[in-house]
Amino acid sequence: MKKNLQFMLLGIPAALLMAGCNQSEVSFAKDVKPIIDQHCVECHTNNGKGTVASGFVVDSYESLMKGTKFGPVVVAGDPLSSSLYRLVSGEVDKSIQMPHNKDPLSPDKIAKIEQWIAQGAKNN
């Protein structure tokens, strides 16, 4: 019994690692862009409040990756260094959390953005 328990416990980390490897690839066009369009485009398009304040336009992959007048918002492969992820996930002061003055994104949408960035923020 004790030996079986040891094998089961040793197998848990390996199972967790393998589960992470089997994550499907997140598509910018199919998964991320619809989130951006629903929650961000209203303010971050030409002459929108968010664009005027930050210079950040989200109407295309290229403009999203260009970032703001202060610099990039996506660091491919590193969600925690990406201000886009930090702003939508609430890892910032509530006064600057995005979307601004609206309900926060759902956990599954935040996870989708995080996963897309972690996978390299591809234009796919």
C-alpha atoms as a PDB file:
ATOM      1  CA  MET A   1       0.000   0.000   0.000  1.00  0.00           C
ATOM      2  CA  LYS A   2       2.773   2.443   0.985  1.00  0.00           C
ATOM      3  CA  LYS A   3       4.669   1.721  -2.251  1.00  0.00           C
ATOM      4  CA  ASN A   4       1.549   2.320  -4.354  1.00  0.00           C
ATOM      5  CA  LEU A   5       1.001   5.658  -2.614  1.00  0.00           C
ATOM      6  CA  GLN A   6       4.599   6.695  -3.336  1.00  0.00           C
ATOM      7  CA  PHE A   7       4.206   5.886  -7.041  1.00  0.00           C
ATOM      8  CA  MET A   8       0.926   7.767  -7.172  1.00  0.00           C
ATOM      9  CA  LEU A   9       2.435  10.845  -5.503  1.00  0.00           C
ATOM     10  CA  LEU A  10       5.499  10.783  -7.753  1.00  0.00           C
ATOM     11  CA  GLY A  11       3.244  10.587 -10.794  1.00  0.00           C
ATOM     12  CA  ILE A  12       1.256  13.725  -9.898  1.00  0.00           C
ATOM     13  CA  PRO A  13       3.915  16.304 -10.895  1.00  0.00           C
ATOM     14  CA  ALA A  14       4.570  14.455 -14.145  1.00  0.00           C
ATOM     15  CA  ALA A  15       0.851  14.383 -14.903  1.00  0.00           C
ATOM     16  CA  LEU A  16       0.584  18.107 -14.229  1.00  0.00           C
ATOM     17  CA  LEU A  17       3.530  18.849 -16.512  1.00  0.00           C
ATOM     18  CA  MET A  18       2.069  16.721 -19.268  1.00  0.00           C
ATOM     19  CA  ALA A  19      -1.311  18.422 -18.911  1.00  0.00           C
ATOM     20  CA  GLY A  20       0.396  21.783 -19.483  1.00  0.00           C
ATOM     21  CA  CYS A  21       2.066  20.429 -22.626  1.00  0.00           C
ATOM     22  CA  ASN A  22      -1.251  19.340 -24.057  1.00  0.00           C
ATOM     23  CA  GLN A  23      -2.773  22.826 -23.985  1.00  0.00           C
ATOM     24  CA  SER A  24      -4.130  23.727 -27.366  1.00  0.00           C
ATOM     25  CA  GLU A  25      -2.618  26.649 -29.195  1.00  0.00           C
ATOM     26  CA  VAL A  26      -4.489  29.895 -28.676  1.00  0.00           C
ATOM     27  CA  SER A  27      -5.281  31.753 -31.873  1.00  0.00           C
ATOM     28  CA  PHE A  28      -5.072  35.538 -31.993  1.00  0.00           C
ATOM     29  CA  ALA A  29      -7.766  35.726 -34.690  1.00  0.00           C
ATOM     30  CA  LYS A  30     -10.180  33.187 -33.186  1.00  0.00           C
ATOM     31  CA  ASP A  31      -9.582  33.542 -29.443  1.00  0.00           C
ATOM     32  CA  VAL A  32      -7.922  36.848 -28.503  1.00  0.00           C
ATOM     33  CA  LYS A  33      -9.183  39.345 -31.097  1.00  0.00           C
ATOM     34  CA  PRO A  34     -12.863  38.696 -30.228  1.00  0.00           C
ATOM     35  CA  ILE A  35     -12.074  39.479 -26.549  1.00  0.00           C
ATOM     36  CA  ILE A  36     -10.258  42.663 -27.572  1.00  0.00           C
ATOM     37  CA  ASP A  37     -13.109  43.643 -29.895  1.00  0.00           C
ATOM     38  CA  GLN A  38     -15.727  43.091 -27.192  1.00  0.00           C
ATOM     39  CA  HIS A  39     -13.932  44.760 -24.293  1.00  0.00           C
ATOM     40  CA  CYS A  40     -11.237  47.134 -25.602  1.00  0.00           C
ATOM     41  CA  VAL A  41     -12.001  48.551 -29.057  1.00  0.00           C
ATOM     42  CA  GLU A  42     -14.612  50.985 -27.738  1.00  0.00           C
ATOM     43  CA  CYS A  43     -11.914  53.101 -26.059  1.00  0.00           C
ATOM     44  CA  HIS A  44      -8.748  51.972 -27.855  1.00  0.00           C
ATOM     45  CA  THR A  45      -9.558  52.880 -31.437  1.00  0.00           C
ATOM     46  CA  ASN A  46      -8.816  56.018 -33.424  1.00  0.00           C
ATOM     47  CA  ASN A  47      -9.609  59.048 -31.224  1.00  0.00           C
ATOM     48  CA  GLY A  48     -11.073  56.878 -28.446  1.00  0.00           C
ATOM     49  CA  LYS A  49     -10.470  57.903 -24.819  1.00  0.00           C
ATOM     50  CA  GLY A  50      -7.930  55.151 -24.274  1.00  0.00           C
ATOM     51  CA  THR A  51      -6.086  55.979 -27.475  1.00  0.00           C
ATOM     52  CA  VAL A  52      -5.941  59.683 -26.646  1.00  0.00           C
ATOM     53  CA  ALA A  53      -4.621  58.926 -23.142  1.00  0.00           C
ATOM     54  CA  SER A  54      -2.088  56.236 -24.047  1.00  0.00           C
ATOM     55  CA  GLY A  55      -1.690  56.050 -27.804  1.00  0.00           C
ATOM     56  CA  PHE A  56      -2.823  52.409 -27.618  1.00  0.00           C
ATOM     57  CA  VAL A  57      -4.892  51.214 -30.590  1.00  0.00           C
ATOM     58  CA  VAL A  58      -6.192  47.654 -30.738  1.00  0.00           C
ATOM     59  CA  ASP A  59      -7.772  47.458 -34.170  1.00  0.00           C
ATOM     60  CA  SER A  60      -5.187  44.983 -35.500  1.00  0.00           C
ATOM     61  CA  TYR A  61      -2.504  42.577 -34.348  1.00  0.00           C
ATOM     62  CA  GLU A  62       0.168  45.030 -35.498  1.00  0.00           C
ATOM     63  CA  SER A  63      -1.263  47.969 -33.550  1.00  0.00           C
ATOM     64  CA  LEU A  64      -1.750  45.842 -30.430  1.00  0.00           C
ATOM     65  CA  MET A  65       1.856  44.661 -30.596  1.00  0.00           C
ATOM     66  CA  LYS A  66       3.093  48.218 -31.229  1.00  0.00           C
ATOM     67  CA  GLY A  67       1.766  49.111 -27.789  1.00  0.00           C
ATOM     68  CA  THR A  68       1.358  52.559 -26.321  1.00  0.00           C
ATOM     69  CA  LYS A  69       3.292  55.807 -26.514  1.00  0.00           C
ATOM     70  CA  PHE A  70       4.997  54.489 -23.368  1.00  0.00           C
ATOM     71  CA  GLY A  71       6.129  51.240 -24.980  1.00  0.00           C
ATOM     72  CA  PRO A  72       4.990  47.682 -25.767  1.00  0.00           C
ATOM     73  CA  VAL A  73       2.140  46.093 -23.818  1.00  0.00           C
ATOM     74  CA  VAL A  74       2.881  42.496 -24.802  1.00  0.00           C
ATOM     75  CA  VAL A  75       6.128  40.688 -24.077  1.00  0.00           C
ATOM     76  CA  ALA A  76       5.813  37.513 -26.124  1.00  0.00           C
ATOM     77  CA  GLY A  77       6.290  34.479 -23.898  1.00  0.00           C
ATOM     78  CA  ASP A  78       6.018  36.442 -20.635  1.00  0.00           C
ATOM     79  CA  PRO A  79       2.514  37.333 -19.405  1.00  0.00           C
ATOM     80  CA  LEU A  80       3.765  38.748 -16.096  1.00  0.00           C
ATOM     81  CA  SER A  81       5.934  41.284 -17.928  1.00  0.00           C
ATOM     82  CA  SER A  82       3.066  42.162 -20.293  1.00  0.00           C
ATOM     83  CA  SER A  83       1.079  45.165 -19.163  1.00  0.00           C
ATOM     84  CA  LEU A  84      -1.875  43.987 -21.272  1.00  0.00           C
ATOM     85  CA  TYR A  85      -2.168  40.851 -19.132  1.00  0.00           C
ATOM     86  CA  ARG A  86      -1.508  42.709 -15.877  1.00  0.00           C
ATOM     87  CA  LEU A  87      -4.118  45.382 -16.671  1.00  0.00           C
ATOM     88  CA  VAL A  88      -6.903  42.925 -17.559  1.00  0.00           C
ATOM     89  CA  SER A  89      -6.073  40.430 -14.806  1.00  0.00           C
ATOM     90  CA  GLY A  90      -6.332  43.035 -12.049  1.00  0.00           C
ATOM     91  CA  GLU A  91      -2.663  42.797 -11.030  1.00  0.00           C
ATOM     92  CA  VAL A  92      -2.531  46.598 -10.993  1.00  0.00           C
ATOM     93  CA  ASP A  93      -4.143  49.374  -9.001  1.00  0.00           C
ATOM     94  CA  LYS A  94      -7.928  49.276  -9.476  1.00  0.00           C
ATOM     95  CA  SER A  95      -7.838  52.827 -10.861  1.00  0.00           C
ATOM     96  CA  ILE A  96      -6.042  51.616 -13.986  1.00  0.00           C
ATOM     97  CA  GLN A  97      -7.486  48.105 -14.305  1.00  0.00           C
ATOM     98  CA  MET A  98      -8.911  47.407 -17.761  1.00  0.00           C
ATOM     99  CA  PRO A  99     -11.497  47.588 -19.100  1.00  0.00           C
ATOM    100  CA  HIS A 100     -11.694  50.939 -17.347  1.00  0.00           C
ATOM    101  CA  ASN A 101     -14.905  51.641 -15.383  1.00  0.00           C
ATOM    102  CA  LYS A 102     -16.505  48.406 -16.600  1.00  0.00           C
ATOM    103  CA  ASP A 103     -16.916  44.873 -15.349  1.00  0.00           C
ATOM    104  CA  PRO A 104     -13.617  42.992 -15.393  1.00  0.00           C
ATOM    105  CA  LEU A 105     -12.983  40.259 -17.926  1.00  0.00           C
ATOM    106  CA  SER A 106     -14.091  36.778 -16.930  1.00  0.00           C
ATOM    107  CA  PRO A 107     -11.410  34.432 -15.602  1.00  0.00           C
ATOM    108  CA  ASP A 108     -11.583  32.293 -18.763  1.00  0.00           C
ATOM    109  CA  LYS A 109     -10.945  35.332 -21.002  1.00  0.00           C
ATOM    110  CA  ILE A 110      -8.055  36.448 -18.814  1.00  0.00           C
ATOM    111  CA  ALA A 111      -6.623  32.919 -18.953  1.00  0.00           C
ATOM    112  CA  LYS A 112      -6.969  32.907 -22.752  1.00  0.00           C
ATOM    113  CA  ILE A 113      -4.965  36.155 -23.043  1.00  0.00           C
ATOM    114  CA  GLU A 114      -2.374  34.835 -20.591  1.00  0.00           C
ATOM    115  CA  GLN A 115      -2.032  31.583 -22.509  1.00  0.00           C
ATOM    116  CA  TRP A 116      -1.744  33.409 -25.864  1.00  0.00           C
ATOM    117  CA  ILE A 117       1.062  35.603 -24.514  1.00  0.00           C
ATOM    118  CA  ALA A 118       2.788  32.610 -22.867  1.00  0.00           C
ATOM    119  CA  GLN A 119       2.666  30.776 -26.194  1.00  0.00           C
ATOM    120  CA  GLY A 120       4.536  33.603 -27.895  1.00  0.00           C
ATOM    121  CA  ALA A 121       1.722  36.069 -28.763  1.00  0.00           C
ATOM    122  CA  LYS A 122       1.615  34.835 -32.349  1.00  0.00           C
ATOM    123  CA  ASN A 123      -0.356  36.419 -35.177  1.00  0.00           C
ATOM    124  CA  ASN A 124      -2.282  33.245 -35.875  1.00  0.00           C
END
